Every structure is written in C-alpha cells, then in structure tokens.
Amino acid sequence: MTTTLDRTAPRDLAAEPPARLSLTPRTTLAGQLDGAWWPYSRDLEAELPPLVAALEEPWGRVTRVTVNPARWPVVPHTVAMDGRVLHVGWFTEQDPDKLILLSYTVGRWDLLVVPPETAPAAAARLMTAAAIPGSVLTAGVLMANEAVIGRGVRDARRREAAWEDEGGACMPTFGEPFGRSALPLSANGWR
C-alpha cells in the first residue's frame, strides 16, 4: 500500500492538539535536559509545528531541530509552519530519546522525547524527572530508569493479583486462616 502526502495543502493548526511539554524552570543550574516532550505520534511533520509554536514564547524562535532517526520512521528535511521553514537534521550519534532545538539568536535546548505509546503514569514520571533543574541524568538514563520502574510496577501488580487469587488471607502460625469466626465475640455480640 502506498500513501501519498500533499505537503502543499494548508494545515489547520487550530485543529492540532497542544504540545505536551514539561520545561525546566529558568534557573542558573544547568542540567543535561531542558525538559521533556510527549508527542502524540511518531510523525515529525505533524508533531513539530505545535511543539515549536509552544516554545516560541518562553524560548524564542526555533530555527532547527535535530533527532536520531532510530525513533522516527520518516525524518523530513524541512517542516513548513506559519509561513516559514523549520530545518530538521538527524544524527545517529545523538541520543535516540532526545530532541535538540536550535535558535540562531538564543541558543540550544535539549528535550527528552517520551515515546507516544507511553502510559500516562510513566509519561508523568519521565516529564517530571526531565524538568528537574540541574539534573545530571541524560535522556537515555531516564528512559532506562523508567523501564526498571515499569517492570517493578508490573511485578507488584502481578504479585497483588496472585495474592488476591489465592484468597488474600493471612495464615496464623497453626495453619488455619484468620477469619471473622476467629475473632472473639464481645459482651454485646458484636465483633
């Protein structure tokens, strides 16, 4: 199956969902990341315009973006937005979980890219961790840490489900489960 995209058709930017961002507060502490971005898809041409539009007020005009192509199926050379062109470059040496935004006048910002298929709880943890001022954790380290946390959460849920399936009752030292009948009756008959 072949898909054809009409790159000359005007896009309705009002119909696009807002960018999901978490930015590091302005501070003198320099960290590895300036925040995190959680795109809705892996389509850079659709995802970059809302991201750049959301960043222009706090950061200034973004002119160039770089990514690692490992996480993006198609990396366009340019993306049209609001009457101008955003240049997109790719580097295999760049951390695959990071997006770099460049401006001729203001500088550079590095954002953790939270994969679009990430569960909301995991995305919230990642976006919070990436926005900590002065953090020395890189995008790759944050993603590896989240993978470990995710496994821990899944294991805990699995253990809890197994406990519930097995009756969920505590066993006393003599082998009989505690239950309501094991509780002594009070003088008024209530337990």
Protein backbone atom coordinates (compact mmCIF):
# COMPACT_ATOMS: atom_id res chain seq x y z
CA MET A 1 0.00 0.00 0.00
CA THR A 2 1.31 3.43 -0.91
CA THR A 3 0.50 6.59 0.99
CA THR A 4 0.79 10.00 -0.66
CA LEU A 5 1.09 13.14 1.42
CA ASP A 6 0.19 16.53 -0.03
CA ARG A 7 2.82 18.77 1.55
CA THR A 8 1.46 21.86 -0.21
CA ALA A 9 -2.02 21.65 1.36
CA PRO A 10 -2.56 24.20 4.14
CA ARG A 11 -2.83 22.70 7.60
CA ASP A 12 -5.34 23.72 10.20
CA LEU A 13 -3.11 24.46 13.19
CA ALA A 14 -6.13 25.13 15.40
CA ALA A 15 -7.22 21.51 14.91
CA GLU A 16 -3.87 20.17 16.12
CA PRO A 17 -3.70 19.14 19.78
CA PRO A 18 -1.47 21.26 22.02
CA ALA A 19 2.07 20.10 22.68
CA ARG A 20 2.55 18.09 25.86
CA LEU A 21 5.57 19.71 27.49
CA SER A 22 7.32 19.89 30.81
CA LEU A 23 10.06 22.54 30.92
CA THR A 24 12.79 23.18 33.43
CA PRO A 25 12.16 26.43 35.31
CA ARG A 26 14.53 29.28 34.50
CA THR A 27 17.45 28.93 36.86
CA THR A 28 21.22 29.20 36.97
CA LEU A 29 21.50 25.43 37.45
CA ALA A 30 22.50 23.85 34.17
CA GLY A 31 21.37 20.28 33.69
CA GLN A 32 21.54 17.66 30.98
CA LEU A 33 17.97 18.37 29.82
CA ASP A 34 15.74 21.42 29.50
CA GLY A 35 12.54 19.43 29.89
CA ALA A 36 10.50 16.77 28.14
CA TRP A 37 8.11 16.47 25.22
CA TRP A 38 5.46 13.76 24.83
CA PRO A 39 4.34 13.69 21.17
CA TYR A 40 1.04 12.11 20.11
CA SER A 41 2.66 10.16 17.24
CA ARG A 42 5.96 9.45 15.50
CA ASP A 43 5.11 11.80 12.61
CA LEU A 44 7.63 14.64 12.92
CA GLU A 45 5.93 16.70 10.25
CA ALA A 46 2.70 16.74 12.26
CA GLU A 47 4.28 16.94 15.73
CA LEU A 48 6.95 19.63 15.32
CA PRO A 49 4.73 22.66 14.48
CA PRO A 50 2.73 22.55 17.76
CA LEU A 51 5.94 21.92 19.73
CA VAL A 52 7.83 24.82 18.19
CA ALA A 53 4.79 27.12 18.48
CA ALA A 54 4.51 26.32 22.19
CA LEU A 55 8.21 27.02 22.76
CA GLU A 56 8.49 30.31 20.89
CA GLU A 57 7.02 32.41 23.70
CA PRO A 58 9.19 31.13 26.55
CA TRP A 59 12.33 30.44 24.48
CA GLY A 60 12.30 32.41 21.25
CA ARG A 61 12.24 31.43 17.59
CA VAL A 62 13.38 27.86 16.91
CA THR A 63 15.07 27.52 13.51
CA ARG A 64 16.46 23.98 13.53
CA VAL A 65 15.69 20.62 15.14
CA THR A 66 17.87 17.52 15.30
CA VAL A 67 16.80 13.96 16.10
CA ASN A 68 18.17 10.45 15.98
CA PRO A 69 16.36 8.59 13.15
CA ALA A 70 16.13 5.40 15.24
CA ARG A 71 12.86 6.57 16.86
CA TRP A 72 11.31 8.32 13.84
CA PRO A 73 10.20 6.36 10.76
CA VAL A 74 10.46 9.43 8.50
CA VAL A 75 12.69 12.43 9.13
CA PRO A 76 11.76 15.29 6.77
CA HIS A 77 14.48 17.78 5.80
CA THR A 78 12.13 20.70 6.39
CA VAL A 79 8.77 21.29 8.02
CA ALA A 80 6.58 24.19 6.90
CA MET A 81 4.96 26.17 9.67
CA ASP A 82 3.30 29.58 9.82
CA GLY A 83 4.88 30.93 6.65
CA ARG A 84 8.39 29.80 7.46
CA VAL A 85 10.51 26.67 7.26
CA LEU A 86 11.88 24.68 10.17
CA HIS A 87 15.01 22.71 9.24
CA VAL A 88 15.26 19.17 10.55
CA GLY A 89 18.52 17.26 10.79
CA TRP A 90 19.35 13.81 12.03
CA PHE A 91 22.41 12.32 13.65
CA THR A 92 22.86 8.68 14.59
CA GLU A 93 25.31 9.74 17.30
CA GLN A 94 22.60 11.75 19.09
CA ASP A 95 20.79 10.08 21.99
CA PRO A 96 17.72 8.42 20.40
CA ASP A 97 15.50 9.64 23.26
CA LYS A 98 16.48 13.29 22.86
CA LEU A 99 15.39 16.13 20.60
CA ILE A 100 17.66 19.16 20.17
CA LEU A 101 16.14 22.55 19.32
CA LEU A 102 18.37 25.33 18.00
CA SER A 103 17.95 29.06 17.57
CA TYR A 104 20.37 31.41 15.85
CA THR A 105 19.87 34.10 18.46
CA VAL A 106 19.02 32.32 21.69
CA GLY A 107 20.87 29.01 21.81
CA ARG A 108 20.18 25.33 22.25
CA TRP A 109 17.67 23.28 24.24
CA ASP A 110 17.65 19.53 24.79
CA LEU A 111 14.35 17.75 25.43
CA LEU A 112 13.67 14.19 26.46
CA VAL A 113 11.24 12.64 23.97
CA VAL A 114 8.72 10.47 25.77
CA PRO A 115 7.54 7.79 23.31
CA PRO A 116 3.93 8.40 22.17
CA GLU A 117 2.82 4.93 23.29
CA THR A 118 3.96 5.51 26.88
CA ALA A 119 1.35 5.04 29.60
CA PRO A 120 0.23 8.32 31.21
CA ALA A 121 1.67 7.48 34.64
CA ALA A 122 5.07 6.63 33.18
CA ALA A 123 4.99 9.74 30.97
CA ALA A 124 4.24 11.90 34.01
CA ARG A 125 7.22 10.42 35.88
CA LEU A 126 9.52 10.98 32.90
CA MET A 127 8.34 14.52 32.25
CA THR A 128 8.78 15.45 35.90
CA ALA A 129 12.27 13.92 36.11
CA ALA A 130 13.42 15.65 32.91
CA ALA A 131 12.37 19.07 34.21
CA ILE A 132 14.40 18.97 37.44
CA PRO A 133 16.83 21.92 37.39
CA GLY A 134 20.49 20.90 37.41
CA SER A 135 19.80 17.20 36.91
CA VAL A 136 22.77 15.20 35.65
CA LEU A 137 20.56 12.42 34.27
CA THR A 138 20.60 12.07 30.49
CA ALA A 139 17.64 11.12 28.33
CA GLY A 140 18.93 7.56 27.96
CA VAL A 141 19.38 7.15 31.71
CA LEU A 142 15.87 8.46 32.42
CA MET A 143 14.38 6.03 29.90
CA ALA A 144 16.38 3.10 31.36
CA ASN A 145 15.29 4.05 34.88
CA GLU A 146 11.65 4.18 33.76
CA ALA A 147 11.96 0.73 32.20
CA VAL A 148 13.10 -0.62 35.59
CA ILE A 149 10.33 1.25 37.42
CA GLY A 150 7.77 -0.03 34.91
CA ARG A 151 8.92 -3.62 35.46
CA GLY A 152 8.68 -3.10 39.23
CA VAL A 153 5.13 -1.74 38.95
CA ARG A 154 4.07 -4.65 36.71
CA ASP A 155 5.66 -7.17 39.09
CA ALA A 156 3.93 -5.61 42.10
CA ARG A 157 0.56 -5.74 40.32
CA ARG A 158 1.16 -9.36 39.35
CA ARG A 159 2.04 -10.29 42.96
CA GLU A 160 -1.03 -8.47 44.27
CA ALA A 161 -3.27 -10.23 41.74
CA ALA A 162 -1.79 -13.61 42.70
CA TRP A 163 -2.33 -12.83 46.39
CA GLU A 164 -5.96 -11.91 45.71
CA ASP A 165 -6.47 -15.05 43.60
CA GLU A 166 -5.13 -17.23 46.40
CA GLY A 167 -7.66 -15.89 48.88
CA GLY A 168 -5.72 -12.95 50.21
CA ALA A 169 -5.93 -14.24 53.77
CA CYS A 170 -3.11 -14.20 56.29
CA MET A 171 -2.23 -17.57 57.80
CA PRO A 172 -1.61 -17.83 61.53
CA THR A 173 1.25 -19.96 62.78
CA PHE A 174 -1.03 -23.01 63.24
CA GLY A 175 -2.16 -23.16 59.62
CA GLU A 176 -5.79 -22.04 59.96
CA PRO A 177 -6.63 -18.77 58.15
CA PHE A 178 -7.82 -15.82 60.17
CA GLY A 179 -11.46 -15.05 59.52
CA ARG A 180 -14.40 -13.42 61.21
CA SER A 181 -15.15 -16.61 63.12
CA ALA A 182 -11.70 -16.49 64.73
CA LEU A 183 -12.49 -13.17 66.37
CA PRO A 184 -13.93 -13.41 69.88
CA LEU A 185 -17.43 -12.06 70.43
CA SER A 186 -17.78 -9.08 72.71
CA ALA A 187 -20.33 -8.95 75.53
CA ASN A 188 -22.92 -7.34 73.25
CA GLY A 189 -22.42 -9.89 70.45
CA TRP A 190 -20.61 -7.53 68.08
CA ARG A 191 -17.23 -8.35 66.68
